[in-house]
PDB file of N, CA and C in Angstrom:
ATOM      1  N   MET A   1      68.280  -1.682  46.860  1.00  0.00           N
ATOM      2  CA  MET A   1      67.077  -2.660  46.398  1.00  0.00           C
ATOM      3  C   MET A   1      67.350  -3.085  44.975  1.00  0.00           C
ATOM      4  N   GLY A   2      66.989  -3.860  44.488  1.00  0.00           N
ATOM      5  CA  GLY A   2      66.891  -4.460  43.036  1.00  0.00           C
ATOM      6  C   GLY A   2      65.489  -3.856  42.274  1.00  0.00           C
ATOM      7  N   LEU A   3      66.055  -3.771  40.820  1.00  0.00           N
ATOM      8  CA  LEU A   3      64.895  -3.880  40.036  1.00  0.00           C
ATOM      9  C   LEU A   3      63.519  -4.634  40.629  1.00  0.00           C
ATOM     10  N   ALA A   4      62.265  -4.151  40.089  1.00  0.00           N
ATOM     11  CA  ALA A   4      60.734  -4.514  40.570  1.00  0.00           C
ATOM     12  C   ALA A   4      60.582  -5.898  39.626  1.00  0.00           C
ATOM     13  N   GLY A   5      60.360  -6.966  40.018  1.00  0.00           N
ATOM     14  CA  GLY A   5      60.418  -8.347  38.834  1.00  0.00           C
ATOM     15  C   GLY A   5      58.960  -8.242  38.053  1.00  0.00           C
ATOM     16  N   LEU A   6      58.709  -8.716  36.950  1.00  0.00           N
ATOM     17  CA  LEU A   6      57.512  -9.366  36.019  1.00  0.00           C
ATOM     18  C   LEU A   6      56.126  -8.898  37.171  1.00  0.00           C
ATOM     19  N   GLN A   7      55.389  -8.926  36.351  1.00  0.00           N
ATOM     20  CA  GLN A   7      53.989  -8.888  37.211  1.00  0.00           C
ATOM     21  C   GLN A   7      53.065 -10.287  37.094  1.00  0.00           C
ATOM     22  N   GLY A   8      52.995 -11.063  37.964  1.00  0.00           N
ATOM     23  CA  GLY A   8      52.335 -12.610  37.879  1.00  0.00           C
ATOM     24  C   GLY A   8      51.320 -12.454  37.493  1.00  0.00           C
ATOM     25  N   ASP A   9      50.251 -13.546  36.979  1.00  0.00           N
ATOM     26  CA  ASP A   9      49.323 -13.856  36.574  1.00  0.00           C
ATOM     27  C   ASP A   9      48.278 -13.405  37.544  1.00  0.00           C
ATOM     28  N   PRO A  10      47.096 -13.646  37.741  1.00  0.00           N
ATOM     29  CA  PRO A  10      45.871 -12.596  38.085  1.00  0.00           C
ATOM     30  C   PRO A  10      45.193 -14.342  39.206  1.00  0.00           C
ATOM     31  N   GLY A  11      44.754 -14.326  40.204  1.00  0.00           N
ATOM     32  CA  GLY A  11      44.696 -15.381  41.080  1.00  0.00           C
ATOM     33  C   GLY A  11      43.434 -15.670  40.768  1.00  0.00           C
ATOM     34  N   PRO A  12      42.700 -16.706  41.361  1.00  0.00           N
ATOM     35  CA  PRO A  12      41.367 -16.849  40.842  1.00  0.00           C
ATOM     36  C   PRO A  12      40.355 -15.909  41.612  1.00  0.00           C
ATOM     37  N   GLN A  13      39.383 -15.773  41.061  1.00  0.00           N
ATOM     38  CA  GLN A  13      37.831 -15.026  41.311  1.00  0.00           C
ATOM     39  C   GLN A  13      37.365 -15.530  42.680  1.00  0.00           C
ATOM     40  N   GLY A  14      36.917 -14.376  44.200  1.00  0.00           N
ATOM     41  CA  GLY A  14      36.713 -14.982  44.972  1.00  0.00           C
ATOM     42  C   GLY A  14      35.090 -15.287  44.951  1.00  0.00           C
ATOM     43  N   PRO A  15      34.754 -15.717  46.075  1.00  0.00           N
ATOM     44  CA  PRO A  15      33.026 -16.153  45.805  1.00  0.00           C
ATOM     45  C   PRO A  15      32.558 -14.220  46.246  1.00  0.00           C
ATOM     46  N   ALA A  16      31.242 -15.296  45.864  1.00  0.00           N
ATOM     47  CA  ALA A  16      30.358 -13.822  45.470  1.00  0.00           C
ATOM     48  C   ALA A  16      30.076 -13.008  47.271  1.00  0.00           C
ATOM     49  N   GLY A  17      29.794 -11.801  47.104  1.00  0.00           N
ATOM     50  CA  GLY A  17      29.561 -10.919  48.863  1.00  0.00           C
ATOM     51  C   GLY A  17      27.874 -11.285  49.226  1.00  0.00           C
ATOM     52  N   PRO A  18      27.841 -10.993  50.101  1.00  0.00           N
ATOM     53  CA  PRO A  18      26.119 -11.098  50.706  1.00  0.00           C
ATOM     54  C   PRO A  18      25.212  -9.849  49.776  1.00  0.00           C
ATOM     55  N   GLN A  19      23.791 -10.061  49.382  1.00  0.00           N
ATOM     56  CA  GLN A  19      23.114  -9.127  49.380  1.00  0.00           C
ATOM     57  C   GLN A  19      23.009  -8.355  49.842  1.00  0.00           C
ATOM     58  N   GLY A  20      22.884  -6.746  49.165  1.00  0.00           N
ATOM     59  CA  GLY A  20      22.743  -5.976  50.084  1.00  0.00           C
ATOM     60  C   GLY A  20      21.203  -5.485  50.101  1.00  0.00           C
ATOM     61  N   PRO A  21      21.020  -4.425  51.171  1.00  0.00           N
ATOM     62  CA  PRO A  21      19.708  -3.862  51.046  1.00  0.00           C
ATOM     63  C   PRO A  21      19.338  -3.232  50.088  1.00  0.00           C
ATOM     64  N   ALA A  22      17.851  -3.819  50.353  1.00  0.00           N
ATOM     65  CA  ALA A  22      16.827  -2.988  48.749  1.00  0.00           C
ATOM     66  C   ALA A  22      16.797  -1.323  49.105  1.00  0.00           C
ATOM     67  N   GLY A  23      16.812  -1.609  47.652  1.00  0.00           N
ATOM     68  CA  GLY A  23      16.641   0.280  47.650  1.00  0.00           C
ATOM     69  C   GLY A  23      15.760   1.060  47.777  1.00  0.00           C
ATOM     70  N   ALA A  24      15.541   2.206  47.799  1.00  0.00           N
ATOM     71  CA  ALA A  24      13.914   2.886  48.098  1.00  0.00           C
ATOM     72  C   ALA A  24      13.287   3.008  46.712  1.00  0.00           C
ATOM     73  N   ASP A  25      11.558   2.568  47.319  1.00  0.00           N
ATOM     74  CA  ASP A  25      10.675   2.570  45.806  1.00  0.00           C
ATOM     75  C   ASP A  25      11.832   4.015  45.665  1.00  0.00           C
ATOM     76  N   GLY A  26      10.868   3.487  44.058  1.00  0.00           N
ATOM     77  CA  GLY A  26      10.776   4.844  42.821  1.00  0.00           C
ATOM     78  C   GLY A  26       9.866   5.357  42.878  1.00  0.00           C
ATOM     79  N   ALA A  27       9.393   6.641  42.020  1.00  0.00           N
ATOM     80  CA  ALA A  27       8.575   7.831  41.911  1.00  0.00           C
ATOM     81  C   ALA A  27       6.837   7.009  41.011  1.00  0.00           C
ATOM     82  N   ASP A  28       6.298   7.376  41.660  1.00  0.00           N
ATOM     83  CA  ASP A  28       5.569   6.792  40.946  1.00  0.00           C
ATOM     84  C   ASP A  28       5.122   7.297  39.292  1.00  0.00           C
ATOM     85  N   GLY A  29       4.387   6.296  38.935  1.00  0.00           N
ATOM     86  CA  GLY A  29       4.713   6.961  37.196  1.00  0.00           C
ATOM     87  C   GLY A  29       3.117   7.491  36.689  1.00  0.00           C
ATOM     88  N   ALA A  30       3.084   8.165  35.680  1.00  0.00           N
ATOM     89  CA  ALA A  30       2.109   8.941  35.363  1.00  0.00           C
ATOM     90  C   ALA A  30       1.143   8.674  34.634  1.00  0.00           C
ATOM     91  N   ASP A  31       0.132   9.116  34.762  1.00  0.00           N
ATOM     92  CA  ASP A  31      -1.135   8.581  35.099  1.00  0.00           C
ATOM     93  C   ASP A  31      -1.747   8.378  33.360  1.00  0.00           C
ATOM     94  N   GLY A  32      -2.230   6.592  33.892  1.00  0.00           N
ATOM     95  CA  GLY A  32      -2.721   6.193  32.094  1.00  0.00           C
ATOM     96  C   GLY A  32      -3.438   7.275  31.625  1.00  0.00           C
ATOM     97  N   ALA A  33      -4.027   6.106  30.473  1.00  0.00           N
ATOM     98  CA  ALA A  33      -4.501   6.642  29.120  1.00  0.00           C
ATOM     99  C   ALA A  33      -6.298   6.828  29.774  1.00  0.00           C
ATOM    100  N   ASP A  34      -7.187   7.869  29.495  1.00  0.00           N
ATOM    101  CA  ASP A  34      -8.636   7.941  29.848  1.00  0.00           C
ATOM    102  C   ASP A  34      -9.131   5.511  28.982  1.00  0.00           C
ATOM    103  N   GLY A  35      -9.872   5.271  29.627  1.00  0.00           N
ATOM    104  CA  GLY A  35      -9.994   3.950  29.624  1.00  0.00           C
ATOM    105  C   GLY A  35     -11.709   3.381  29.816  1.00  0.00           C
ATOM    106  N   VAL A  36     -12.168   2.103  29.146  1.00  0.00           N
ATOM    107  CA  VAL A  36     -13.231   1.921  29.170  1.00  0.00           C
ATOM    108  C   VAL A  36     -13.366   0.114  29.541  1.00  0.00           C
ATOM    109  N   SER A  37     -14.119   0.174  30.271  1.00  0.00           N
ATOM    110  CA  SER A  37     -13.857  -1.380  30.418  1.00  0.00           C
ATOM    111  C   SER A  37     -15.948  -1.577  30.936  1.00  0.00           C
ATOM    112  N   GLY A  38     -15.818  -2.746  31.240  1.00  0.00           N
ATOM    113  CA  GLY A  38     -17.142  -3.806  31.879  1.00  0.00           C
ATOM    114  C   GLY A  38     -18.880  -3.457  30.660  1.00  0.00           C
ATOM    115  N   TRP A  39     -18.035  -2.978  30.027  1.00  0.00           N
ATOM    116  CA  TRP A  39     -19.003  -2.917  28.297  1.00  0.00           C
ATOM    117  C   TRP A  39     -20.176  -4.137  28.587  1.00  0.00           C
ATOM    118  N   GLU A  40     -21.085  -3.831  27.961  1.00  0.00           N
ATOM    119  CA  GLU A  40     -22.684  -4.544  27.974  1.00  0.00           C
ATOM    120  C   GLU A  40     -23.406  -4.293  27.313  1.00  0.00           C
ATOM    121  N   LEU A  41     -24.256  -4.925  26.131  1.00  0.00           N
ATOM    122  CA  LEU A  41     -25.745  -4.537  25.862  1.00  0.00           C
ATOM    123  C   LEU A  41     -26.733  -4.755  26.407  1.00  0.00           C
ATOM    124  N   VAL A  42     -27.733  -3.638  26.453  1.00  0.00           N
ATOM    125  CA  VAL A  42     -28.987  -3.510  27.162  1.00  0.00           C
ATOM    126  C   VAL A  42     -29.921  -3.547  26.488  1.00  0.00           C
ATOM    127  N   VAL A  43     -31.412  -4.446  26.502  1.00  0.00           N
ATOM    128  CA  VAL A  43     -31.958  -4.105  25.581  1.00  0.00           C
ATOM    129  C   VAL A  43     -33.246  -3.901  26.210  1.00  0.00           C
ATOM    130  N   GLY A  44     -33.827  -2.956  25.653  1.00  0.00           N
ATOM    131  CA  GLY A  44     -35.447  -1.846  26.381  1.00  0.00           C
ATOM    132  C   GLY A  44     -36.150  -2.533  26.271  1.00  0.00           C
ATOM    133  N   ALA A  45     -37.469  -2.538  26.599  1.00  0.00           N
ATOM    134  CA  ALA A  45     -38.721  -2.332  26.385  1.00  0.00           C
ATOM    135  C   ALA A  45     -39.040  -2.503  24.969  1.00  0.00           C
ATOM    136  N   ALA A  46     -39.960  -3.326  24.511  1.00  0.00           N
ATOM    137  CA  ALA A  46     -40.192  -3.235  22.541  1.00  0.00           C
ATOM    138  C   ALA A  46     -41.389  -2.336  23.693  1.00  0.00           C
ATOM    139  N   SER A  47     -41.416  -1.801  21.923  1.00  0.00           N
ATOM    140  CA  SER A  47     -43.226  -0.817  22.080  1.00  0.00           C
ATOM    141  C   SER A  47     -43.788  -1.666  22.252  1.00  0.00           C
ATOM    142  N   VAL A  48     -44.943  -1.174  22.234  1.00  0.00           N
ATOM    143  CA  VAL A  48     -46.329  -1.773  21.739  1.00  0.00           C
ATOM    144  C   VAL A  48     -46.565  -2.906  20.373  1.00  0.00           C
ATOM    145  N   SER A  49     -47.118  -3.563  20.127  1.00  0.00           N
ATOM    146  CA  SER A  49     -47.369  -4.661  19.073  1.00  0.00           C
ATOM    147  C   SER A  49     -48.626  -3.773  18.253  1.00  0.00           C
ATOM    148  N   ASP A  50     -49.417  -2.476  17.219  1.00  0.00           N
ATOM    149  CA  ASP A  50     -49.963  -2.359  16.812  1.00  0.00           C
ATOM    150  C   ASP A  50     -49.458  -1.846  15.904  1.00  0.00           C
ATOM    151  N   SER A  51     -50.881  -0.964  15.462  1.00  0.00           N
ATOM    152  CA  SER A  51     -50.918   0.248  14.045  1.00  0.00           C
ATOM    153  C   SER A  51     -50.470   1.506  14.068  1.00  0.00           C
ATOM    154  N   THR A  52     -49.737   1.713  15.467  1.00  0.00           N
ATOM    155  CA  THR A  52     -49.752   3.310  15.836  1.00  0.00           C
ATOM    156  C   THR A  52     -49.143   3.654  14.583  1.00  0.00           C
ATOM    157  N   SER A  53     -48.631   4.322  14.374  1.00  0.00           N
ATOM    158  CA  SER A  53     -47.549   5.130  13.170  1.00  0.00           C
ATOM    159  C   SER A  53     -46.319   5.508  13.877  1.00  0.00           C
ATOM    160  N   SER A  54     -46.192   6.401  14.594  1.00  0.00           N
ATOM    161  CA  SER A  54     -44.840   6.567  15.323  1.00  0.00           C
ATOM    162  C   SER A  54     -45.288   6.032  16.940  1.00  0.00           C
ATOM    163  N   LYS A  55     -43.636   5.479  17.085  1.00  0.00           N
ATOM    164  CA  LYS A  55     -43.528   5.518  18.445  1.00  0.00           C
ATOM    165  C   LYS A  55     -41.478   5.222  18.988  1.00  0.00           C
ATOM    166  N   THR A  56     -41.801   5.524  19.904  1.00  0.00           N
ATOM    167  CA  THR A  56     -40.423   5.917  20.427  1.00  0.00           C
ATOM    168  C   THR A  56     -40.797   5.271  22.046  1.00  0.00           C
ATOM    169  N   VAL A  57     -38.717   4.810  21.874  1.00  0.00           N
ATOM    170  CA  VAL A  57     -38.555   3.156  22.808  1.00  0.00           C
ATOM    171  C   VAL A  57     -37.080   3.941  23.457  1.00  0.00           C
ATOM    172  N   VAL A  58     -36.572   3.736  24.835  1.00  0.00           N
ATOM    173  CA  VAL A  58     -35.775   4.395  25.015  1.00  0.00           C
ATOM    174  C   VAL A  58     -34.762   2.956  26.097  1.00  0.00           C
ATOM    175  N   ALA A  59     -33.569   2.568  25.578  1.00  0.00           N
ATOM    176  CA  ALA A  59     -32.655   1.841  26.909  1.00  0.00           C
ATOM    177  C   ALA A  59     -32.105   2.737  27.035  1.00  0.00           C
ATOM    178  N   ASP A  60     -31.648   2.633  28.884  1.00  0.00           N
ATOM    179  CA  ASP A  60     -30.923   3.093  29.951  1.00  0.00           C
ATOM    180  C   ASP A  60     -30.200   2.238  30.179  1.00  0.00           C
ATOM    181  N   CYS A  61     -28.744   2.845  30.381  1.00  0.00           N
ATOM    182  CA  CYS A  61     -27.483   2.089  30.958  1.00  0.00           C
ATOM    183  C   CYS A  61     -27.936   2.058  32.799  1.00  0.00           C
ATOM    184  N   ALA A  62     -27.052   1.072  33.493  1.00  0.00           N
ATOM    185  CA  ALA A  62     -27.539   0.937  34.788  1.00  0.00           C
ATOM    186  C   ALA A  62     -25.850   1.241  35.603  1.00  0.00           C
ATOM    187  N   GLY A  63     -25.675   1.594  36.612  1.00  0.00           N
ATOM    188  CA  GLY A  63     -24.953   1.503  37.610  1.00  0.00           C
ATOM    189  C   GLY A  63     -24.044   2.413  37.282  1.00  0.00           C
ATOM    190  N   GLY A  64     -24.127   3.310  37.093  1.00  0.00           N
ATOM    191  CA  GLY A  64     -23.441   5.093  36.738  1.00  0.00           C
ATOM    192  C   GLY A  64     -22.624   4.356  34.993  1.00  0.00           C
ATOM    193  N   LYS A  65     -23.190   3.442  34.104  1.00  0.00           N
ATOM    194  CA  LYS A  65     -22.563   3.555  33.273  1.00  0.00           C
ATOM    195  C   LYS A  65     -22.923   4.219  31.797  1.00  0.00           C
ATOM    196  N   LYS A  66     -22.123   4.458  31.006  1.00  0.00           N
ATOM    197  CA  LYS A  66     -22.148   5.515  30.279  1.00  0.00           C
ATOM    198  C   LYS A  66     -22.636   5.219  28.502  1.00  0.00           C
ATOM    199  N   ALA A  67     -23.342   5.515  27.679  1.00  0.00           N
ATOM    200  CA  ALA A  67     -23.765   5.003  26.449  1.00  0.00           C
ATOM    201  C   ALA A  67     -22.735   5.125  25.545  1.00  0.00           C
ATOM    202  N   LEU A  68     -22.546   4.408  25.061  1.00  0.00           N
ATOM    203  CA  LEU A  68     -21.213   3.970  23.687  1.00  0.00           C
ATOM    204  C   LEU A  68     -22.038   4.654  22.618  1.00  0.00           C
ATOM    205  N   GLY A  69     -22.737   3.652  22.533  1.00  0.00           N
ATOM    206  CA  GLY A  69     -23.823   3.650  21.165  1.00  0.00           C
ATOM    207  C   GLY A  69     -25.209   2.675  21.196  1.00  0.00           C
ATOM    208  N   GLY A  70     -25.323   2.547  20.314  1.00  0.00           N
ATOM    209  CA  GLY A  70     -27.041   1.412  20.432  1.00  0.00           C
ATOM    210  C   GLY A  70     -27.147   1.690  19.145  1.00  0.00           C
ATOM    211  N   GLY A  71     -29.315   1.132  18.741  1.00  0.00           N
ATOM    212  CA  GLY A  71     -29.635   0.833  17.981  1.00  0.00           C
ATOM    213  C   GLY A  71     -31.137  -0.083  17.976  1.00  0.00           C
ATOM    214  N   TYR A  72     -31.106  -0.502  17.776  1.00  0.00           N
ATOM    215  CA  TYR A  72     -33.008  -0.407  17.247  1.00  0.00           C
ATOM    216  C   TYR A  72     -33.314  -2.113  16.440  1.00  0.00           C
ATOM    217  N   THR A  73     -34.001  -2.665  16.719  1.00  0.00           N
ATOM    218  CA  THR A  73     -34.561  -4.078  16.356  1.00  0.00           C
ATOM    219  C   THR A  73     -36.467  -3.062  15.932  1.00  0.00           C
ATOM    220  N   ILE A  74     -36.802  -4.522  14.737  1.00  0.00           N
ATOM    221  CA  ILE A  74     -38.328  -3.441  14.095  1.00  0.00           C
ATOM    222  C   ILE A  74     -39.117  -4.405  13.858  1.00  0.00           C
ATOM    223  N   SER A  75     -39.790  -5.272  14.451  1.00  0.00           N
ATOM    224  CA  SER A  75     -40.420  -6.155  14.301  1.00  0.00           C
ATOM    225  C   SER A  75     -41.985  -5.905  13.797  1.00  0.00           C
ATOM    226  N   GLY A  76     -42.233  -6.747  12.562  1.00  0.00           N
ATOM    227  CA  GLY A  76     -43.592  -6.108  11.822  1.00  0.00           C
ATOM    228  C   GLY A  76     -44.097  -7.096  10.457  1.00  0.00           C
ATOM    229  N   SER A  77     -45.167  -6.053  10.215  1.00  0.00           N
ATOM    230  CA  SER A  77     -45.470  -6.532   8.857  1.00  0.00           C
ATOM    231  C   SER A  77     -45.439  -5.452   8.185  1.00  0.00           C
ATOM    232  N   VAL A  78     -45.822  -4.813   8.417  1.00  0.00           N
ATOM    233  CA  VAL A  78     -45.519  -3.473   7.952  1.00  0.00           C
ATOM    234  C   VAL A  78     -44.495  -2.737   7.444  1.00  0.00           C
ATOM    235  N   GLU A  79     -43.691  -1.714   6.822  1.00  0.00           N
ATOM    236  CA  GLU A  79     -42.611  -1.082   6.172  1.00  0.00           C
ATOM    237  C   GLU A  79     -42.941  -0.116   7.592  1.00  0.00           C
ATOM    238  N   VAL A  80     -41.541  -0.192   8.100  1.00  0.00           N
ATOM    239  CA  VAL A  80     -41.347   0.802   9.083  1.00  0.00           C
ATOM    240  C   VAL A  80     -40.142   1.360   9.029  1.00  0.00           C
ATOM    241  N   VAL A  81     -39.955   2.251   8.746  1.00  0.00           N
ATOM    242  CA  VAL A  81     -38.103   3.237   9.534  1.00  0.00           C
ATOM    243  C   VAL A  81     -38.025   3.751  10.352  1.00  0.00           C
ATOM    244  N   ALA A  82     -37.194   3.775  10.501  1.00  0.00           N
ATOM    245  CA  ALA A  82     -36.462   4.286  12.190  1.00  0.00           C
ATOM    246  C   ALA A  82     -35.967   6.109  11.680  1.00  0.00           C
ATOM    247  N   GLN A  83     -36.512   6.869  12.350  1.00  0.00           N
ATOM    248  CA  GLN A  83     -36.766   8.135  12.005  1.00  0.00           C
ATOM    249  C   GLN A  83     -35.625   8.873  12.516  1.00  0.00           C
ATOM    250  N   SER A  84     -35.286   8.353  14.123  1.00  0.00           N
ATOM    251  CA  SER A  84     -33.577   8.497  14.315  1.00  0.00           C
ATOM    252  C   SER A  84     -33.746   7.495  15.756  1.00  0.00           C
ATOM    253  N   SER A  85     -32.147   7.683  15.787  1.00  0.00           N
ATOM    254  CA  SER A  85     -31.747   6.494  16.770  1.00  0.00           C
ATOM    255  C   SER A  85     -30.368   7.671  17.216  1.00  0.00           C
ATOM    256  N   TYR A  86     -30.785   7.621  18.824  1.00  0.00           N
ATOM    257  CA  TYR A  86     -29.514   8.432  18.930  1.00  0.00           C
ATOM    258  C   TYR A  86     -29.351   8.534  20.358  1.00  0.00           C
ATOM    259  N   PRO A  87     -27.826   8.968  21.358  1.00  0.00           N
ATOM    260  CA  PRO A  87     -27.899   9.306  22.618  1.00  0.00           C
ATOM    261  C   PRO A  87     -28.651  10.359  23.354  1.00  0.00           C
ATOM    262  N   SER A  88     -29.706  10.299  24.152  1.00  0.00           N
ATOM    263  CA  SER A  88     -30.866  11.657  24.185  1.00  0.00           C
ATOM    264  C   SER A  88     -30.480  11.611  25.769  1.00  0.00           C
ATOM    265  N   ASP A  89     -28.725  11.035  26.432  1.00  0.00           N
ATOM    266  CA  ASP A  89     -29.018  11.464  27.843  1.00  0.00           C
ATOM    267  C   ASP A  89     -26.922  11.092  27.659  1.00  0.00           C
ATOM    268  N   ASP A  90     -26.385  10.900  28.524  1.00  0.00           N
ATOM    269  CA  ASP A  90     -25.108  10.106  28.776  1.00  0.00           C
ATOM    270  C   ASP A  90     -25.213   8.773  29.345  1.00  0.00           C
ATOM    271  N   ASP A  91     -26.642   8.027  29.301  1.00  0.00           N
ATOM    272  CA  ASP A  91     -26.421   6.818  29.515  1.00  0.00           C
ATOM    273  C   ASP A  91     -28.038   6.273  28.909  1.00  0.00           C
ATOM    274  N   THR A  92     -28.621   7.470  28.232  1.00  0.00           N
ATOM    275  CA  THR A  92     -29.894   6.387  27.550  1.00  0.00           C
ATOM    276  C   THR A  92     -29.773   6.221  25.763  1.00  0.00           C
ATOM    277  N   TRP A  93     -30.299   5.799  25.747  1.00  0.00           N
ATOM    278  CA  TRP A  93     -30.805   5.673  23.897  1.00  0.00           C
ATOM    279  C   TRP A  93     -31.647   5.821  23.522  1.00  0.00           C
ATOM    280  N   THR A  94     -32.312   6.199  22.448  1.00  0.00           N
ATOM    281  CA  THR A  94     -33.932   6.699  22.396  1.00  0.00           C
ATOM    282  C   THR A  94     -33.641   6.505  20.955  1.00  0.00           C
ATOM    283  N   VAL A  95     -35.106   5.579  20.156  1.00  0.00           N
ATOM    284  CA  VAL A  95     -35.046   5.366  18.848  1.00  0.00           C
ATOM    285  C   VAL A  95     -36.731   6.001  18.868  1.00  0.00           C
ATOM    286  N   VAL A  96     -36.872   6.674  17.623  1.00  0.00           N
ATOM    287  CA  VAL A  96     -38.594   6.691  17.302  1.00  0.00           C
ATOM    288  C   VAL A  96     -38.524   6.040  15.593  1.00  0.00           C
ATOM    289  N   ALA A  97     -39.201   5.406  15.818  1.00  0.00           N
ATOM    290  CA  ALA A  97     -39.532   4.663  14.124  1.00  0.00           C
ATOM    291  C   ALA A  97     -41.156   5.177  13.678  1.00  0.00           C
ATOM    292  N   VAL A  98     -41.501   5.632  12.578  1.00  0.00           N
ATOM    293  CA  VAL A  98     -42.562   5.443  12.252  1.00  0.00           C
ATOM    294  C   VAL A  98     -42.660   4.493  10.600  1.00  0.00           C
ATOM    295  N   GLU A  99     -44.274   4.605  10.549  1.00  0.00           N
ATOM    296  CA  GLU A  99     -44.459   4.053   9.077  1.00  0.00           C
ATOM    297  C   GLU A  99     -44.123   4.580   8.320  1.00  0.00           C
ATOM    298  N   ASN A 100     -43.557   3.861   6.754  1.00  0.00           N
ATOM    299  CA  ASN A 100     -43.369   4.298   5.865  1.00  0.00           C
ATOM    300  C   ASN A 100     -44.106   3.855   4.881  1.00  0.00           C
ATOM    301  N   ASP A 101     -45.432   3.623   4.739  1.00  0.00           N
ATOM    302  CA  ASP A 101     -46.619   3.741   4.364  1.00  0.00           C
ATOM    303  C   ASP A 101     -47.880   3.750   4.802  1.00  0.00           C
ATOM    304  N   ASN A 102     -48.886   3.739   4.581  1.00  0.00           N
ATOM    305  CA  ASN A 102     -50.535   3.374   5.387  1.00  0.00           C
ATOM    306  C   ASN A 102     -51.131   1.810   5.240  1.00  0.00           C
ATOM    307  N   GLU A 103     -50.140   0.967   4.672  1.00  0.00           N
ATOM    308  CA  GLU A 103     -50.208  -0.226   4.962  1.00  0.00           C
ATOM    309  C   GLU A 103     -50.820  -0.741   6.799  1.00  0.00           C
ATOM    310  N   PRO A 104     -52.333  -1.140   6.852  1.00  0.00           N
ATOM    311  CA  PRO A 104     -52.987  -1.352   8.154  1.00  0.00           C
ATOM    312  C   PRO A 104     -51.600  -2.754   8.617  1.00  0.00           C
ATOM    313  N   GLY A 105     -51.550  -2.860   9.493  1.00  0.00           N
ATOM    314  CA  GLY A 105     -50.975  -3.972   9.973  1.00  0.00           C
ATOM    315  C   GLY A 105     -50.338  -3.407  11.443  1.00  0.00           C
ATOM    316  N   ASP A 106     -49.602  -4.525  12.172  1.00  0.00           N
ATOM    317  CA  ASP A 106     -48.757  -4.674  13.818  1.00  0.00           C
ATOM    318  C   ASP A 106     -47.155  -4.579  13.533  1.00  0.00           C
ATOM    319  N   TRP A 107     -46.572  -3.338  14.328  1.00  0.00           N
ATOM    320  CA  TRP A 107     -45.498  -3.767  14.477  1.00  0.00           C
ATOM    321  C   TRP A 107     -45.140  -3.361  15.574  1.00  0.00           C
ATOM    322  N   SER A 108     -43.674  -3.663  15.639  1.00  0.00           N
ATOM    323  CA  SER A 108     -43.069  -2.530  17.462  1.00  0.00           C
ATOM    324  C   SER A 108     -41.561  -2.567  16.898  1.00  0.00           C
ATOM    325  N   VAL A 109     -41.537  -2.095  18.040  1.00  0.00           N
ATOM    326  CA  VAL A 109     -40.026  -1.356  17.783  1.00  0.00           C
ATOM    327  C   VAL A 109     -38.899  -1.232  19.029  1.00  0.00           C
ATOM    328  N   THR A 110     -38.271  -2.046  19.584  1.00  0.00           N
ATOM    329  CA  THR A 110     -36.975  -2.284  20.644  1.00  0.00           C
ATOM    330  C   THR A 110     -35.741  -1.408  20.523  1.00  0.00           C
ATOM    331  N   ALA A 111     -35.248  -0.612  21.417  1.00  0.00           N
ATOM    332  CA  ALA A 111     -33.916   0.224  21.468  1.00  0.00           C
ATOM    333  C   ALA A 111     -33.466  -0.707  21.933  1.00  0.00           C
ATOM    334  N   TYR A 112     -31.340  -0.763  21.935  1.00  0.00           N
ATOM    335  CA  TYR A 112     -30.496  -0.950  22.768  1.00  0.00           C
ATOM    336  C   TYR A 112     -29.567  -0.274  23.105  1.00  0.00           C
ATOM    337  N   VAL A 113     -29.044  -0.488  23.992  1.00  0.00           N
ATOM    338  CA  VAL A 113     -27.816   0.241  24.242  1.00  0.00           C
ATOM    339  C   VAL A 113     -26.418  -0.440  24.680  1.00  0.00           C
ATOM    340  N   ILE A 114     -25.090   0.217  23.986  1.00  0.00           N
ATOM    341  CA  ILE A 114     -24.229  -0.112  24.562  1.00  0.00           C
ATOM    342  C   ILE A 114     -23.365   0.098  25.745  1.00  0.00           C
ATOM    343  N   CYS A 115     -23.338  -0.580  26.780  1.00  0.00           N
ATOM    344  CA  CYS A 115     -22.879   0.627  28.174  1.00  0.00           C
ATOM    345  C   CYS A 115     -21.449  -0.102  28.687  1.00  0.00           C
ATOM    346  N   ALA A 116     -20.718   1.296  28.747  1.00  0.00           N
ATOM    347  CA  ALA A 116     -19.281   0.797  29.690  1.00  0.00           C
ATOM    348  C   ALA A 116     -19.494   1.806  30.876  1.00  0.00           C
ATOM    349  N   THR A 117     -18.329   0.977  31.490  1.00  0.00           N
ATOM    350  CA  THR A 117     -17.767   2.221  32.883  1.00  0.00           C
ATOM    351  C   THR A 117     -16.786   3.057  31.934  1.00  0.00           C
ATOM    352  N   VAL A 118     -17.024   4.265  32.271  1.00  0.00           N
ATOM    353  CA  VAL A 118     -16.197   4.806  31.249  1.00  0.00           C
ATOM    354  C   VAL A 118     -15.042   5.901  32.117  1.00  0.00           C
ATOM    355  N   LEU A 119     -13.512   5.600  31.983  1.00  0.00           N
ATOM    356  CA  LEU A 119     -12.370   6.095  33.774  1.00  0.00           C
ATOM    357  C   LEU A 119     -12.595   7.351  32.454  1.00  0.00           C
ATOM    358  N   PRO A 120     -12.528   8.504  33.709  1.00  0.00           N
ATOM    359  CA  PRO A 120     -12.068  10.078  33.297  1.00  0.00           C
ATOM    360  C   PRO A 120     -10.439  10.326  32.829  1.00  0.00           C
TER     361      PRO A 120
END
C-alpha cells in the first residue's frame, strides 16, 4: 500500500435538518417587588359652611384600597388653618381645621385622600 494523498477541499454545506422537539419549561422566576396600582383621588364631603370654630372631615378609600396620602381645601371669608391632616386608618384621611382669628364669617373644609391597591 502506498502513502496517503493530500486532503481535498471541503464539500458544500448540506441542508438544515428538521427542528427538534420543544424543551421543558424553565423554573418560575423570583417574586417581583411590592407594587401599587389603580391609584385615584377621592374627595370627601365638605363640612357645613358656617362660623363654627373647629371642623373635622374625613375622606375614605373604597374597594380595599389603601390611603397613600391626602390633604384638604378650605373655603370661606375668614382666616382658617388646618390643625391636623393625617391618615386615621389604612383607608381613611382625616382633617381638622380651626379659625385662626375671631372674625365672624362662614367657612368650610373638604378632605381628600389618594387611594391605591397595594400589593403585599
